[in-house]
C-alpha atoms as a PDB file:
ATOM      1  CA  MET A   1      -7.994 -18.571  -4.364  1.00  0.00           C
ATOM      2  CA  ARG A   2      -8.986 -15.697  -6.591  1.00  0.00           C
ATOM      3  CA  LYS A   3      -7.778 -15.759 -10.211  1.00  0.00           C
ATOM      4  CA  LEU A   4      -6.819 -12.545 -11.972  1.00  0.00           C
ATOM      5  CA  ASP A   5      -7.866 -12.244 -15.603  1.00  0.00           C
ATOM      6  CA  GLY A   6      -6.984  -9.589 -18.144  1.00  0.00           C
ATOM      7  CA  GLU A   7      -4.567  -6.735 -17.796  1.00  0.00           C
ATOM      8  CA  GLN A   8      -3.281  -6.011 -14.288  1.00  0.00           C
ATOM      9  CA  VAL A   9      -1.989  -2.791 -12.767  1.00  0.00           C
ATOM     10  CA  LEU A  10       0.494  -2.468  -9.909  1.00  0.00           C
ATOM     11  CA  MET A  11      -0.109   0.663  -7.881  1.00  0.00           C
ATOM     12  CA  ARG A  12       2.515   2.033  -5.481  1.00  0.00           C
ATOM     13  CA  ILE A  13       1.701   4.620  -2.874  1.00  0.00           C
ATOM     14  CA  PHE A  14       4.438   6.032  -0.657  1.00  0.00           C
ATOM     15  CA  VAL A  15       3.364   7.397   2.717  1.00  0.00           C
ATOM     16  CA  GLY A  16       5.246   8.391   5.837  1.00  0.00           C
ATOM     17  CA  GLU A  17       4.920   6.244   8.933  1.00  0.00           C
ATOM     18  CA  SER A  18       3.503   9.191  10.860  1.00  0.00           C
ATOM     19  CA  ASP A  19       0.840   9.988   8.205  1.00  0.00           C
ATOM     20  CA  ARG A  20      -2.667   9.593   9.598  1.00  0.00           C
ATOM     21  CA  TRP A  21      -6.245   9.599   8.355  1.00  0.00           C
ATOM     22  CA  GLU A  22      -9.066  10.048  10.869  1.00  0.00           C
ATOM     23  CA  HIS A  23      -6.662   9.413  13.783  1.00  0.00           C
ATOM     24  CA  ARG A  24      -5.453   6.092  12.309  1.00  0.00           C
ATOM     25  CA  PRO A  25      -2.244   5.173  10.479  1.00  0.00           C
ATOM     26  CA  LEU A  26      -2.778   6.017   6.804  1.00  0.00           C
ATOM     27  CA  HIS A  27      -1.247   2.767   5.551  1.00  0.00           C
ATOM     28  CA  ILE A  28      -3.771   0.717   7.564  1.00  0.00           C
ATOM     29  CA  ALA A  29      -6.673   2.860   6.330  1.00  0.00           C
ATOM     30  CA  LEU A  30      -5.521   2.341   2.722  1.00  0.00           C
ATOM     31  CA  VAL A  31      -5.212  -1.444   3.083  1.00  0.00           C
ATOM     32  CA  GLU A  32      -8.708  -1.629   4.583  1.00  0.00           C
ATOM     33  CA  LEU A  33     -10.103   0.586   1.792  1.00  0.00           C
ATOM     34  CA  PHE A  34      -8.489  -1.553  -0.913  1.00  0.00           C
ATOM     35  CA  ARG A  35      -9.930  -4.722   0.651  1.00  0.00           C
ATOM     36  CA  ARG A  36     -13.429  -3.236   0.883  1.00  0.00           C
ATOM     37  CA  GLU A  37     -13.221  -2.102  -2.738  1.00  0.00           C
ATOM     38  CA  GLY A  38     -12.207  -5.561  -3.965  1.00  0.00           C
ATOM     39  CA  LEU A  39      -8.639  -4.946  -5.094  1.00  0.00           C
ATOM     40  CA  ALA A  40      -6.682  -8.136  -5.764  1.00  0.00           C
ATOM     41  CA  GLY A  41      -4.273  -7.495  -2.900  1.00  0.00           C
ATOM     42  CA  ALA A  42      -2.331  -4.993  -0.868  1.00  0.00           C
ATOM     43  CA  THR A  43       0.987  -5.154   0.962  1.00  0.00           C
ATOM     44  CA  VAL A  44       2.618  -2.626   3.275  1.00  0.00           C
ATOM     45  CA  LEU A  45       6.418  -2.599   3.215  1.00  0.00           C
ATOM     46  CA  ARG A  46       8.673  -0.658   5.559  1.00  0.00           C
ATOM     47  CA  ALA A  47      11.572   0.977   3.790  1.00  0.00           C
ATOM     48  CA  VAL A  48      14.983   0.375   5.340  1.00  0.00           C
ATOM     49  CA  ALA A  49      16.834   2.770   3.059  1.00  0.00           C
ATOM     50  CA  GLY A  50      16.484   4.434  -0.299  1.00  0.00           C
ATOM     51  CA  PHE A  51      16.694   7.638  -2.283  1.00  0.00           C
ATOM     52  CA  GLY A  52      14.490   9.560  -4.664  1.00  0.00           C
ATOM     53  CA  ALA A  53      14.902  11.991  -7.529  1.00  0.00           C
ATOM     54  CA  ASP A  54      16.851  14.371  -5.293  1.00  0.00           C
ATOM     55  CA  SER A  55      19.469  11.619  -4.629  1.00  0.00           C
ATOM     56  CA  VAL A  56      19.278  12.217  -0.863  1.00  0.00           C
ATOM     57  CA  VAL A  57      19.644   8.920   1.015  1.00  0.00           C
ATOM     58  CA  HIS A  58      16.970   8.193   3.638  1.00  0.00           C
ATOM     59  CA  THR A  59      17.303   5.394   6.199  1.00  0.00           C
ATOM     60  CA  ALA A  60      14.958   3.784   8.730  1.00  0.00           C
ATOM     61  CA  ASP A  61      17.350   4.805  11.520  1.00  0.00           C
ATOM     62  CA  ALA A  62      16.365   8.420  12.207  1.00  0.00           C
ATOM     63  CA  ARG A  63      19.895   9.155  13.494  1.00  0.00           C
ATOM     64  CA  ARG A  64      21.272   8.279  10.042  1.00  0.00           C
ATOM     65  CA  THR A  65      18.651  10.075   7.921  1.00  0.00           C
ATOM     66  CA  HIS A  66      20.301  12.862   5.967  1.00  0.00           C
ATOM     67  CA  HIS A  67      17.333  15.210   6.466  1.00  0.00           C
ATOM     68  CA  PRO A  68      16.438  15.495  10.176  1.00  0.00           C
ATOM     69  CA  GLY A  69      12.795  14.791  10.923  1.00  0.00           C
ATOM     70  CA  GLU A  70      12.282  12.544   7.910  1.00  0.00           C
ATOM     71  CA  GLY A  71      11.950   8.950   8.984  1.00  0.00           C
ATOM     72  CA  ALA A  72      11.293   5.780   7.086  1.00  0.00           C
ATOM     73  CA  ARG A  73       8.449   5.613   4.630  1.00  0.00           C
ATOM     74  CA  ALA A  74       5.880   2.905   4.186  1.00  0.00           C
ATOM     75  CA  GLU A  75       5.010   1.671   0.713  1.00  0.00           C
ATOM     76  CA  VAL A  76       1.484   0.441   0.090  1.00  0.00           C
ATOM     77  CA  ARG A  77       1.114  -1.701  -2.996  1.00  0.00           C
ATOM     78  CA  GLY A  78      -2.221  -2.557  -4.533  1.00  0.00           C
ATOM     79  CA  ALA A  79      -3.149  -4.405  -7.690  1.00  0.00           C
ATOM     80  CA  TYR A  80      -6.399  -4.370  -9.572  1.00  0.00           C
ATOM     81  CA  SER A  81      -7.741  -5.596 -12.879  1.00  0.00           C
ATOM     82  CA  TYR A  82      -9.421  -3.763 -15.700  1.00  0.00           C
ATOM     83  CA  ASP A  83     -12.887  -4.987 -16.649  1.00  0.00           C
ATOM     84  CA  GLU A  84     -13.739  -6.210 -20.151  1.00  0.00           C
ATOM     85  CA  ARG A  85     -14.144  -2.603 -21.353  1.00  0.00           C
ATOM     86  CA  GLY A  86     -10.763  -1.504 -20.055  1.00  0.00           C
ATOM     87  CA  ARG A  87     -12.164   0.390 -17.064  1.00  0.00           C
ATOM     88  CA  SER A  88     -10.609   0.219 -13.639  1.00  0.00           C
ATOM     89  CA  PRO A  89     -12.811  -0.358 -10.585  1.00  0.00           C
ATOM     90  CA  PRO A  90     -13.962   2.791  -8.771  1.00  0.00           C
ATOM     91  CA  LEU A  91     -12.174   3.851  -5.609  1.00  0.00           C
END
């Protein structure tokens, strides 16, 4: 098991389930990128419901989403460490 030393950073990236990169789901492409680049970990979570700064409630059930056409969003979380000089690893 890998041990994390020093200061850690939690990164959150919100993407739509239909977002794609080079004909692939964006959340999968991001997880693979983070693994290749040596980040400490990555997790994709599917949002069931939530709201943002606009206070509009979004749900995973498209019939109950307050803005038609907006479905659930995926959240990609990644964590990485700073090196001894306080620099983050390159992406």
